[in-house]
Amino acid sequence: MADYLINVFLDDAKMKIIEGAGLAGQVKDLGGKKAVQVPLGEKEQKKLAKGFPSMAFDASNACVLPPEAETKLVDIIGQMKTIDVMKVAIMKLYNPLAGKQIRSAQH
């Protein structure tokens, strides 16, 4: 069992990607909405928390990504045909240099 989960709520377009990847069996009903739950470990969770400081985890250690990141994640799921994608997806979702000034070497 994963330490944390990302809840990806599915609209029609996202549902088509999930079904196209052969993952319709992974779809769950969460509060009356269709969703897939992407597992992630503690290291990935810490990176996501740094990259998306406004993202909050609920009592069941689940969260929802910001829309742009969620779209990237669904695309990765569609390409890899599995929901176990965080080791790959974290590289595309987490940018450790976001918002930092580029420093040049001073001689």
PDB file of N, CA and C in Angstrom:
ATOM      1  N   MET A   1       0.840  -1.190   0.000  1.00  0.00           N
ATOM      2  CA  MET A   1       0.000   0.000   0.000  1.00  0.00           C
ATOM      3  C   MET A   1       0.877   1.242   0.000  1.00  0.00           C
ATOM      4  N   ALA A   2       0.479   2.217  -0.753  1.00  0.00           N
ATOM      5  CA  ALA A   2       1.249   3.454  -0.865  1.00  0.00           C
ATOM      6  C   ALA A   2       1.109   4.287   0.408  1.00  0.00           C
ATOM      7  N   ASP A   3       2.129   5.093   0.660  1.00  0.00           N
ATOM      8  CA  ASP A   3       2.076   6.001   1.803  1.00  0.00           C
ATOM      9  C   ASP A   3       1.070   7.121   1.551  1.00  0.00           C
ATOM     10  N   TYR A   4       1.008   7.586   0.294  1.00  0.00           N
ATOM     11  CA  TYR A   4       0.155   8.703  -0.086  1.00  0.00           C
ATOM     12  C   TYR A   4      -0.532   8.388  -1.418  1.00  0.00           C
ATOM     13  N   LEU A   5      -1.590   9.148  -1.714  1.00  0.00           N
ATOM     14  CA  LEU A   5      -2.327   8.973  -2.961  1.00  0.00           C
ATOM     15  C   LEU A   5      -2.602  10.330  -3.594  1.00  0.00           C
ATOM     16  N   ILE A   6      -2.619  10.345  -4.907  1.00  0.00           N
ATOM     17  CA  ILE A   6      -3.085  11.514  -5.639  1.00  0.00           C
ATOM     18  C   ILE A   6      -4.426  11.122  -6.248  1.00  0.00           C
ATOM     19  N   ASN A   7      -5.460  11.855  -5.883  1.00  0.00           N
ATOM     20  CA  ASN A   7      -6.772  11.616  -6.466  1.00  0.00           C
ATOM     21  C   ASN A   7      -6.869  12.402  -7.768  1.00  0.00           C
ATOM     22  N   VAL A   8      -7.135  11.695  -8.849  1.00  0.00           N
ATOM     23  CA  VAL A   8      -7.321  12.336 -10.155  1.00  0.00           C
ATOM     24  C   VAL A   8      -8.783  12.156 -10.531  1.00  0.00           C
ATOM     25  N   PHE A   9      -9.541  13.253 -10.412  1.00  0.00           N
ATOM     26  CA  PHE A   9     -10.960  13.193 -10.754  1.00  0.00           C
ATOM     27  C   PHE A   9     -11.106  13.284 -12.264  1.00  0.00           C
ATOM     28  N   LEU A  10     -11.965  12.433 -12.805  1.00  0.00           N
ATOM     29  CA  LEU A  10     -12.026  12.237 -14.251  1.00  0.00           C
ATOM     30  C   LEU A  10     -13.225  12.916 -14.892  1.00  0.00           C
ATOM     31  N   ASP A  11     -12.929  13.808 -15.843  1.00  0.00           N
ATOM     32  CA  ASP A  11     -13.974  14.316 -16.717  1.00  0.00           C
ATOM     33  C   ASP A  11     -14.000  13.391 -17.930  1.00  0.00           C
ATOM     34  N   ASP A  12     -14.826  13.697 -18.919  1.00  0.00           N
ATOM     35  CA  ASP A  12     -14.943  12.799 -20.072  1.00  0.00           C
ATOM     36  C   ASP A  12     -13.619  12.601 -20.799  1.00  0.00           C
ATOM     37  N   ALA A  13     -12.851  13.684 -20.992  1.00  0.00           N
ATOM     38  CA  ALA A  13     -11.580  13.588 -21.721  1.00  0.00           C
ATOM     39  C   ALA A  13     -10.575  12.723 -20.965  1.00  0.00           C
ATOM     40  N   LYS A  14     -10.466  12.927 -19.657  1.00  0.00           N
ATOM     41  CA  LYS A  14      -9.533  12.133 -18.850  1.00  0.00           C
ATOM     42  C   LYS A  14      -9.984  10.679 -18.790  1.00  0.00           C
ATOM     43  N   MET A  15     -11.296  10.474 -18.720  1.00  0.00           N
ATOM     44  CA  MET A  15     -11.820   9.101 -18.682  1.00  0.00           C
ATOM     45  C   MET A  15     -11.443   8.363 -19.962  1.00  0.00           C
ATOM     46  N   LYS A  16     -11.496   9.030 -21.098  1.00  0.00           N
ATOM     47  CA  LYS A  16     -11.118   8.392 -22.366  1.00  0.00           C
ATOM     48  C   LYS A  16      -9.656   7.976 -22.352  1.00  0.00           C
ATOM     49  N   ILE A  17      -8.798   8.806 -21.782  1.00  0.00           N
ATOM     50  CA  ILE A  17      -7.365   8.476 -21.688  1.00  0.00           C
ATOM     51  C   ILE A  17      -7.183   7.239 -20.802  1.00  0.00           C
ATOM     52  N   ILE A  18      -7.870   7.222 -19.659  1.00  0.00           N
ATOM     53  CA  ILE A  18      -7.763   6.091 -18.728  1.00  0.00           C
ATOM     54  C   ILE A  18      -8.285   4.811 -19.386  1.00  0.00           C
ATOM     55  N   GLU A  19      -9.442   4.902 -20.042  1.00  0.00           N
ATOM     56  CA  GLU A  19      -9.999   3.735 -20.730  1.00  0.00           C
ATOM     57  C   GLU A  19      -9.099   3.290 -21.877  1.00  0.00           C
ATOM     58  N   GLY A  20      -8.529   4.252 -22.606  1.00  0.00           N
ATOM     59  CA  GLY A  20      -7.635   3.941 -23.718  1.00  0.00           C
ATOM     60  C   GLY A  20      -6.369   3.234 -23.263  1.00  0.00           C
ATOM     61  N   ALA A  21      -5.975   3.488 -22.021  1.00  0.00           N
ATOM     62  CA  ALA A  21      -4.793   2.827 -21.461  1.00  0.00           C
ATOM     63  C   ALA A  21      -5.152   1.468 -20.866  1.00  0.00           C
ATOM     64  N   GLY A  22      -6.428   1.083 -20.961  1.00  0.00           N
ATOM     65  CA  GLY A  22      -6.848  -0.208 -20.408  1.00  0.00           C
ATOM     66  C   GLY A  22      -6.964  -0.203 -18.900  1.00  0.00           C
ATOM     67  N   LEU A  23      -7.196   0.973 -18.306  1.00  0.00           N
ATOM     68  CA  LEU A  23      -7.217   1.082 -16.849  1.00  0.00           C
ATOM     69  C   LEU A  23      -8.602   1.380 -16.277  1.00  0.00           C
ATOM     70  N   ALA A  24      -9.658   1.088 -17.035  1.00  0.00           N
ATOM     71  CA  ALA A  24     -11.017   1.359 -16.553  1.00  0.00           C
ATOM     72  C   ALA A  24     -11.290   0.645 -15.226  1.00  0.00           C
ATOM     73  N   GLY A  25     -10.647  -0.482 -15.006  1.00  0.00           N
ATOM     74  CA  GLY A  25     -10.809  -1.232 -13.759  1.00  0.00           C
ATOM     75  C   GLY A  25     -10.221  -0.521 -12.548  1.00  0.00           C
ATOM     76  N   GLN A  26      -9.393   0.496 -12.773  1.00  0.00           N
ATOM     77  CA  GLN A  26      -8.783   1.255 -11.676  1.00  0.00           C
ATOM     78  C   GLN A  26      -9.656   2.430 -11.220  1.00  0.00           C
ATOM     79  N   VAL A  27     -10.725   2.716 -11.969  1.00  0.00           N
ATOM     80  CA  VAL A  27     -11.586   3.856 -11.655  1.00  0.00           C
ATOM     81  C   VAL A  27     -12.410   3.543 -10.411  1.00  0.00           C
ATOM     82  N   LYS A  28     -12.442   4.504  -9.490  1.00  0.00           N
ATOM     83  CA  LYS A  28     -13.198   4.367  -8.239  1.00  0.00           C
ATOM     84  C   LYS A  28     -14.215   5.491  -8.150  1.00  0.00           C
ATOM     85  N   ASP A  29     -15.181   5.319  -7.286  1.00  0.00           N
ATOM     86  CA  ASP A  29     -16.146   6.368  -7.002  1.00  0.00           C
ATOM     87  C   ASP A  29     -15.714   7.039  -5.703  1.00  0.00           C
ATOM     88  N   LEU A  30     -15.324   8.304  -5.795  1.00  0.00           N
ATOM     89  CA  LEU A  30     -14.913   9.063  -4.608  1.00  0.00           C
ATOM     90  C   LEU A  30     -15.885  10.222  -4.428  1.00  0.00           C
ATOM     91  N   GLY A  31     -16.737  10.116  -3.455  1.00  0.00           N
ATOM     92  CA  GLY A  31     -17.696  11.175  -3.185  1.00  0.00           C
ATOM     93  C   GLY A  31     -18.626  11.456  -4.357  1.00  0.00           C
ATOM     94  N   GLY A  32     -18.972  10.424  -5.095  1.00  0.00           N
ATOM     95  CA  GLY A  32     -19.880  10.583  -6.219  1.00  0.00           C
ATOM     96  C   GLY A  32     -19.207  10.984  -7.518  1.00  0.00           C
ATOM     97  N   LYS A  33     -17.874  11.097  -7.509  1.00  0.00           N
ATOM     98  CA  LYS A  33     -17.130  11.443  -8.723  1.00  0.00           C
ATOM     99  C   LYS A  33     -16.227  10.285  -9.103  1.00  0.00           C
ATOM    100  N   LYS A  34     -16.029  10.101 -10.404  1.00  0.00           N
ATOM    101  CA  LYS A  34     -15.115   9.062 -10.880  1.00  0.00           C
ATOM    102  C   LYS A  34     -13.684   9.571 -10.734  1.00  0.00           C
ATOM    103  N   ALA A  35     -12.811   8.681 -10.278  1.00  0.00           N
ATOM    104  CA  ALA A  35     -11.419   9.065 -10.052  1.00  0.00           C
ATOM    105  C   ALA A  35     -10.516   7.842 -10.128  1.00  0.00           C
ATOM    106  N   VAL A  36      -9.229   8.091 -10.363  1.00  0.00           N
ATOM    107  CA  VAL A  36      -8.205   7.081 -10.163  1.00  0.00           C
ATOM    108  C   VAL A  36      -7.308   7.602  -9.048  1.00  0.00           C
ATOM    109  N   GLN A  37      -6.728   6.680  -8.310  1.00  0.00           N
ATOM    110  CA  GLN A  37      -5.829   7.049  -7.226  1.00  0.00           C
ATOM    111  C   GLN A  37      -4.424   6.577  -7.580  1.00  0.00           C
ATOM    112  N   VAL A  38      -3.534   7.539  -7.699  1.00  0.00           N
ATOM    113  CA  VAL A  38      -2.149   7.254  -8.069  1.00  0.00           C
ATOM    114  C   VAL A  38      -1.321   7.163  -6.785  1.00  0.00           C
ATOM    115  N   PRO A  39      -0.697   6.009  -6.547  1.00  0.00           N
ATOM    116  CA  PRO A  39       0.106   5.861  -5.330  1.00  0.00           C
ATOM    117  C   PRO A  39       1.440   6.591  -5.433  1.00  0.00           C
ATOM    118  N   LEU A  40       1.892   7.132  -4.306  1.00  0.00           N
ATOM    119  CA  LEU A  40       3.234   7.713  -4.271  1.00  0.00           C
ATOM    120  C   LEU A  40       3.838   7.497  -2.904  1.00  0.00           C
ATOM    121  N   GLY A  41       5.140   7.415  -2.886  1.00  0.00           N
ATOM    122  CA  GLY A  41       5.873   7.195  -1.645  1.00  0.00           C
ATOM    123  C   GLY A  41       6.168   8.503  -0.934  1.00  0.00           C
ATOM    124  N   GLU A  42       6.799   8.375   0.207  1.00  0.00           N
ATOM    125  CA  GLU A  42       7.083   9.550   1.036  1.00  0.00           C
ATOM    126  C   GLU A  42       8.028  10.531   0.346  1.00  0.00           C
ATOM    127  N   LYS A  43       9.042  10.025  -0.364  1.00  0.00           N
ATOM    128  CA  LYS A  43       9.982  10.920  -1.049  1.00  0.00           C
ATOM    129  C   LYS A  43       9.274  11.745  -2.115  1.00  0.00           C
ATOM    130  N   GLU A  44       8.410  11.079  -2.917  1.00  0.00           N
ATOM    131  CA  GLU A  44       7.675  11.806  -3.954  1.00  0.00           C
ATOM    132  C   GLU A  44       6.718  12.816  -3.328  1.00  0.00           C
ATOM    133  N   GLN A  45       6.102  12.437  -2.201  1.00  0.00           N
ATOM    134  CA  GLN A  45       5.178  13.346  -1.527  1.00  0.00           C
ATOM    135  C   GLN A  45       5.901  14.600  -1.067  1.00  0.00           C
ATOM    136  N   LYS A  46       7.102  14.439  -0.526  1.00  0.00           N
ATOM    137  CA  LYS A  46       7.868  15.600  -0.059  1.00  0.00           C
ATOM    138  C   LYS A  46       8.230  16.520  -1.223  1.00  0.00           C
ATOM    139  N   LYS A  47       8.599  15.933  -2.366  1.00  0.00           N
ATOM    140  CA  LYS A  47       8.922  16.744  -3.534  1.00  0.00           C
ATOM    141  C   LYS A  47       7.688  17.484  -4.041  1.00  0.00           C
ATOM    142  N   LEU A  48       6.550  16.803  -4.081  1.00  0.00           N
ATOM    143  CA  LEU A  48       5.322  17.464  -4.521  1.00  0.00           C
ATOM    144  C   LEU A  48       4.921  18.578  -3.560  1.00  0.00           C
ATOM    145  N   ALA A  49       5.082  18.330  -2.259  1.00  0.00           N
ATOM    146  CA  ALA A  49       4.736  19.357  -1.274  1.00  0.00           C
ATOM    147  C   ALA A  49       5.607  20.599  -1.451  1.00  0.00           C
ATOM    148  N   LYS A  50       6.881  20.400  -1.804  1.00  0.00           N
ATOM    149  CA  LYS A  50       7.776  21.532  -2.085  1.00  0.00           C
ATOM    150  C   LYS A  50       7.376  22.240  -3.366  1.00  0.00           C
ATOM    151  N   GLY A  51       7.066  21.448  -4.393  1.00  0.00           N
ATOM    152  CA  GLY A  51       6.734  22.015  -5.693  1.00  0.00           C
ATOM    153  C   GLY A  51       5.372  22.691  -5.727  1.00  0.00           C
ATOM    154  N   PHE A  52       4.441  22.210  -4.906  1.00  0.00           N
ATOM    155  CA  PHE A  52       3.081  22.747  -4.868  1.00  0.00           C
ATOM    156  C   PHE A  52       2.700  23.026  -3.411  1.00  0.00           C
ATOM    157  N   PRO A  53       3.226  24.118  -2.829  1.00  0.00           N
ATOM    158  CA  PRO A  53       3.007  24.375  -1.400  1.00  0.00           C
ATOM    159  C   PRO A  53       1.541  24.560  -1.017  1.00  0.00           C
ATOM    160  N   SER A  54       0.681  24.897  -1.955  1.00  0.00           N
ATOM    161  CA  SER A  54      -0.739  25.093  -1.621  1.00  0.00           C
ATOM    162  C   SER A  54      -1.521  23.773  -1.626  1.00  0.00           C
ATOM    163  N   MET A  55      -0.874  22.705  -2.069  1.00  0.00           N
ATOM    164  CA  MET A  55      -1.527  21.399  -2.146  1.00  0.00           C
ATOM    165  C   MET A  55      -1.621  20.807  -0.739  1.00  0.00           C
ATOM    166  N   ALA A  56      -2.817  20.333  -0.376  1.00  0.00           N
ATOM    167  CA  ALA A  56      -3.023  19.784   0.963  1.00  0.00           C
ATOM    168  C   ALA A  56      -3.426  18.315   0.883  1.00  0.00           C
ATOM    169  N   PHE A  57      -2.931  17.545   1.837  1.00  0.00           N
ATOM    170  CA  PHE A  57      -3.292  16.135   1.948  1.00  0.00           C
ATOM    171  C   PHE A  57      -4.400  16.009   2.993  1.00  0.00           C
ATOM    172  N   ASP A  58      -5.394  15.149   2.709  1.00  0.00           N
ATOM    173  CA  ASP A  58      -6.502  14.966   3.648  1.00  0.00           C
ATOM    174  C   ASP A  58      -6.145  13.898   4.685  1.00  0.00           C
ATOM    175  N   ALA A  59      -7.116  13.538   5.502  1.00  0.00           N
ATOM    176  CA  ALA A  59      -6.886  12.578   6.589  1.00  0.00           C
ATOM    177  C   ALA A  59      -6.455  11.209   6.077  1.00  0.00           C
ATOM    178  N   SER A  60      -6.814  10.878   4.834  1.00  0.00           N
ATOM    179  CA  SER A  60      -6.411   9.582   4.276  1.00  0.00           C
ATOM    180  C   SER A  60      -5.118   9.688   3.455  1.00  0.00           C
ATOM    181  N   ASN A  61      -4.371  10.787   3.660  1.00  0.00           N
ATOM    182  CA  ASN A  61      -3.111  11.042   2.953  1.00  0.00           C
ATOM    183  C   ASN A  61      -3.294  11.102   1.437  1.00  0.00           C
ATOM    184  N   ALA A  62      -4.416  11.662   1.002  1.00  0.00           N
ATOM    185  CA  ALA A  62      -4.684  11.842  -0.426  1.00  0.00           C
ATOM    186  C   ALA A  62      -4.727  13.331  -0.737  1.00  0.00           C
ATOM    187  N   CYS A  63      -4.382  13.674  -1.977  1.00  0.00           N
ATOM    188  CA  CYS A  63      -4.395  15.068  -2.403  1.00  0.00           C
ATOM    189  C   CYS A  63      -4.877  15.150  -3.843  1.00  0.00           C
ATOM    190  N   VAL A  64      -5.080  16.375  -4.282  1.00  0.00           N
ATOM    191  CA  VAL A  64      -5.422  16.647  -5.672  1.00  0.00           C
ATOM    192  C   VAL A  64      -4.380  17.633  -6.182  1.00  0.00           C
ATOM    193  N   LEU A  65      -3.796  17.326  -7.339  1.00  0.00           N
ATOM    194  CA  LEU A  65      -2.798  18.213  -7.929  1.00  0.00           C
ATOM    195  C   LEU A  65      -3.465  19.431  -8.557  1.00  0.00           C
ATOM    196  N   PRO A  66      -2.701  20.520  -8.720  1.00  0.00           N
ATOM    197  CA  PRO A  66      -3.211  21.651  -9.489  1.00  0.00           C
ATOM    198  C   PRO A  66      -3.536  21.182 -10.916  1.00  0.00           C
ATOM    199  N   PRO A  67      -4.494  21.844 -11.596  1.00  0.00           N
ATOM    200  CA  PRO A  67      -4.967  21.368 -12.902  1.00  0.00           C
ATOM    201  C   PRO A  67      -3.870  21.088 -13.938  1.00  0.00           C
ATOM    202  N   GLU A  68      -2.895  21.967 -14.082  1.00  0.00           N
ATOM    203  CA  GLU A  68      -1.847  21.768 -15.090  1.00  0.00           C
ATOM    204  C   GLU A  68      -1.032  20.506 -14.795  1.00  0.00           C
ATOM    205  N   ALA A  69      -0.677  20.308 -13.536  1.00  0.00           N
ATOM    206  CA  ALA A  69       0.092  19.125 -13.145  1.00  0.00           C
ATOM    207  C   ALA A  69      -0.754  17.862 -13.291  1.00  0.00           C
ATOM    208  N   GLU A  70      -2.043  17.961 -12.978  1.00  0.00           N
ATOM    209  CA  GLU A  70      -2.921  16.802 -13.110  1.00  0.00           C
ATOM    210  C   GLU A  70      -3.035  16.373 -14.574  1.00  0.00           C
ATOM    211  N   THR A  71      -3.120  17.338 -15.472  1.00  0.00           N
ATOM    212  CA  THR A  71      -3.191  17.029 -16.903  1.00  0.00           C
ATOM    213  C   THR A  71      -1.929  16.293 -17.353  1.00  0.00           C
ATOM    214  N   LYS A  72      -0.757  16.756 -16.893  1.00  0.00           N
ATOM    215  CA  LYS A  72       0.502  16.073 -17.226  1.00  0.00           C
ATOM    216  C   LYS A  72       0.501  14.643 -16.694  1.00  0.00           C
ATOM    217  N   LEU A  73       0.007  14.491 -15.462  1.00  0.00           N
ATOM    218  CA  LEU A  73      -0.017  13.172 -14.838  1.00  0.00           C
ATOM    219  C   LEU A  73      -0.924  12.218 -15.620  1.00  0.00           C
ATOM    220  N   VAL A  74      -2.089  12.684 -16.029  1.00  0.00           N
ATOM    221  CA  VAL A  74      -3.001  11.835 -16.805  1.00  0.00           C
ATOM    222  C   VAL A  74      -2.361  11.450 -18.135  1.00  0.00           C
ATOM    223  N   ASP A  75      -1.658  12.385 -18.771  1.00  0.00           N
ATOM    224  CA  ASP A  75      -0.967  12.068 -20.026  1.00  0.00           C
ATOM    225  C   ASP A  75       0.090  10.981 -19.812  1.00  0.00           C
ATOM    226  N   ILE A  76       0.825  11.076 -18.722  1.00  0.00           N
ATOM    227  CA  ILE A  76       1.858  10.071 -18.412  1.00  0.00           C
ATOM    228  C   ILE A  76       1.199   8.712 -18.161  1.00  0.00           C
ATOM    229  N   ILE A  77       0.088   8.700 -17.422  1.00  0.00           N
ATOM    230  CA  ILE A  77      -0.640   7.450 -17.176  1.00  0.00           C
ATOM    231  C   ILE A  77      -1.071   6.836 -18.503  1.00  0.00           C
ATOM    232  N   GLY A  78      -1.588   7.672 -19.404  1.00  0.00           N
ATOM    233  CA  GLY A  78      -2.025   7.187 -20.713  1.00  0.00           C
ATOM    234  C   GLY A  78      -0.890   6.594 -21.522  1.00  0.00           C
ATOM    235  N   GLN A  79       0.279   7.219 -21.452  1.00  0.00           N
ATOM    236  CA  GLN A  79       1.434   6.731 -22.208  1.00  0.00           C
ATOM    237  C   GLN A  79       1.999   5.442 -21.623  1.00  0.00           C
ATOM    238  N   MET A  80       2.068   5.386 -20.299  1.00  0.00           N
ATOM    239  CA  MET A  80       2.685   4.224 -19.651  1.00  0.00           C
ATOM    240  C   MET A  80       1.699   3.089 -19.398  1.00  0.00           C
ATOM    241  N   LYS A  81       0.409   3.373 -19.510  1.00  0.00           N
ATOM    242  CA  LYS A  81      -0.653   2.379 -19.325  1.00  0.00           C
ATOM    243  C   LYS A  81      -0.628   1.727 -17.935  1.00  0.00           C
ATOM    244  N   THR A  82      -0.331   2.529 -16.926  1.00  0.00           N
ATOM    245  CA  THR A  82      -0.362   2.087 -15.536  1.00  0.00           C
ATOM    246  C   THR A  82      -0.574   3.316 -14.655  1.00  0.00           C
ATOM    247  N   ILE A  83      -1.137   3.110 -13.443  1.00  0.00           N
ATOM    248  CA  ILE A  83      -1.256   4.235 -12.524  1.00  0.00           C
ATOM    249  C   ILE A  83      -0.029   4.338 -11.618  1.00  0.00           C
ATOM    250  N   ASP A  84       0.850   3.370 -11.685  1.00  0.00           N
ATOM    251  CA  ASP A  84       2.065   3.375 -10.858  1.00  0.00           C
ATOM    252  C   ASP A  84       3.166   4.127 -11.600  1.00  0.00           C
ATOM    253  N   VAL A  85       3.006   5.435 -11.721  1.00  0.00           N
ATOM    254  CA  VAL A  85       3.886   6.241 -12.582  1.00  0.00           C
ATOM    255  C   VAL A  85       4.697   7.300 -11.847  1.00  0.00           C
ATOM    256  N   MET A  86       4.573   7.410 -10.550  1.00  0.00           N
ATOM    257  CA  MET A  86       5.168   8.562  -9.869  1.00  0.00           C
ATOM    258  C   MET A  86       6.689   8.638  -9.962  1.00  0.00           C
ATOM    259  N   LYS A  87       7.369   7.523 -10.046  1.00  0.00           N
ATOM    260  CA  LYS A  87       8.833   7.595 -10.156  1.00  0.00           C
ATOM    261  C   LYS A  87       9.234   8.318 -11.443  1.00  0.00           C
ATOM    262  N   VAL A  88       8.453   8.165 -12.497  1.00  0.00           N
ATOM    263  CA  VAL A  88       8.701   8.858 -13.758  1.00  0.00           C
ATOM    264  C   VAL A  88       8.070  10.243 -13.729  1.00  0.00           C
ATOM    265  N   ALA A  89       6.833  10.323 -13.278  1.00  0.00           N
ATOM    266  CA  ALA A  89       6.081  11.576 -13.325  1.00  0.00           C
ATOM    267  C   ALA A  89       6.697  12.661 -12.451  1.00  0.00           C
ATOM    268  N   ILE A  90       7.311  12.283 -11.352  1.00  0.00           N
ATOM    269  CA  ILE A  90       7.863  13.285 -10.437  1.00  0.00           C
ATOM    270  C   ILE A  90       8.897  14.159 -11.146  1.00  0.00           C
ATOM    271  N   MET A  91       9.618  13.586 -12.097  1.00  0.00           N
ATOM    272  CA  MET A  91      10.616  14.364 -12.830  1.00  0.00           C
ATOM    273  C   MET A  91       9.965  15.454 -13.681  1.00  0.00           C
ATOM    274  N   LYS A  92       8.767  15.195 -14.168  1.00  0.00           N
ATOM    275  CA  LYS A  92       8.078  16.171 -15.004  1.00  0.00           C
ATOM    276  C   LYS A  92       7.238  17.137 -14.190  1.00  0.00           C
ATOM    277  N   LEU A  93       6.812  16.709 -13.012  1.00  0.00           N
ATOM    278  CA  LEU A  93       5.934  17.545 -12.192  1.00  0.00           C
ATOM    279  C   LEU A  93       6.698  18.437 -11.225  1.00  0.00           C
ATOM    280  N   TYR A  94       7.810  17.956 -10.715  1.00  0.00           N
ATOM    281  CA  TYR A  94       8.547  18.678  -9.685  1.00  0.00           C
ATOM    282  C   TYR A  94       9.728  19.409 -10.303  1.00  0.00           C
ATOM    283  N   ASN A  95       9.713  20.723 -10.161  1.00  0.00           N
ATOM    284  CA  ASN A  95      10.813  21.542 -10.656  1.00  0.00           C
ATOM    285  C   ASN A  95      11.462  22.217  -9.449  1.00  0.00           C
ATOM    286  N   PRO A  96      12.575  21.691  -8.968  1.00  0.00           N
ATOM    287  CA  PRO A  96      13.179  22.242  -7.749  1.00  0.00           C
ATOM    288  C   PRO A  96      13.665  23.677  -7.906  1.00  0.00           C
ATOM    289  N   LEU A  97      13.816  24.153  -9.128  1.00  0.00           N
ATOM    290  CA  LEU A  97      14.318  25.509  -9.338  1.00  0.00           C
ATOM    291  C   LEU A  97      13.207  26.513  -9.626  1.00  0.00           C
ATOM    292  N   ALA A  98      11.964  26.087  -9.603  1.00  0.00           N
ATOM    293  CA  ALA A  98      10.854  26.983  -9.914  1.00  0.00           C
ATOM    294  C   ALA A  98      10.845  28.173  -8.956  1.00  0.00           C
ATOM    295  N   GLY A  99      10.768  29.354  -9.512  1.00  0.00           N
ATOM    296  CA  GLY A  99      10.674  30.572  -8.713  1.00  0.00           C
ATOM    297  C   GLY A  99      11.991  31.067  -8.143  1.00  0.00           C
ATOM    298  N   LYS A 100      13.090  30.383  -8.411  1.00  0.00           N
ATOM    299  CA  LYS A 100      14.383  30.828  -7.882  1.00  0.00           C
ATOM    300  C   LYS A 100      15.123  31.626  -8.950  1.00  0.00           C
ATOM    301  N   GLN A 101      15.871  32.598  -8.500  1.00  0.00           N
ATOM    302  CA  GLN A 101      16.681  33.402  -9.411  1.00  0.00           C
ATOM    303  C   GLN A 101      17.844  32.587  -9.936  1.00  0.00           C
ATOM    304  N   ILE A 102      18.164  32.783 -11.177  1.00  0.00           N
ATOM    305  CA  ILE A 102      19.353  32.125 -11.744  1.00  0.00           C
ATOM    306  C   ILE A 102      20.551  32.954 -11.323  1.00  0.00           C
ATOM    307  N   ARG A 103      21.505  32.269 -10.716  1.00  0.00           N
ATOM    308  CA  ARG A 103      22.702  32.976 -10.226  1.00  0.00           C
ATOM    309  C   ARG A 103      23.859  32.637 -11.158  1.00  0.00           C
ATOM    310  N   SER A 104      24.599  33.640 -11.490  1.00  0.00           N
ATOM    311  CA  SER A 104      25.795  33.378 -12.303  1.00  0.00           C
ATOM    312  C   SER A 104      27.000  33.350 -11.368  1.00  0.00           C
ATOM    313  N   ALA A 105      27.993  32.625 -11.769  1.00  0.00           N
ATOM    314  CA  ALA A 105      29.205  32.523 -10.952  1.00  0.00           C
ATOM    315  C   ALA A 105      29.941  33.871 -10.971  1.00  0.00           C
ATOM    316  N   GLN A 106      30.299  34.347  -9.801  1.00  0.00           N
ATOM    317  CA  GLN A 106      31.032  35.600  -9.686  1.00  0.00           C
ATOM    318  C   GLN A 106      32.510  35.288  -9.489  1.00  0.00           C
ATOM    319  N   HIS A 107      33.329  35.866 -10.334  1.00  0.00           N
ATOM    320  CA  HIS A 107      34.773  35.620 -10.198  1.00  0.00           C
ATOM    321  C   HIS A 107      35.446  36.830  -9.638  1.00  0.00           C
TER     322      HIS A 107
END
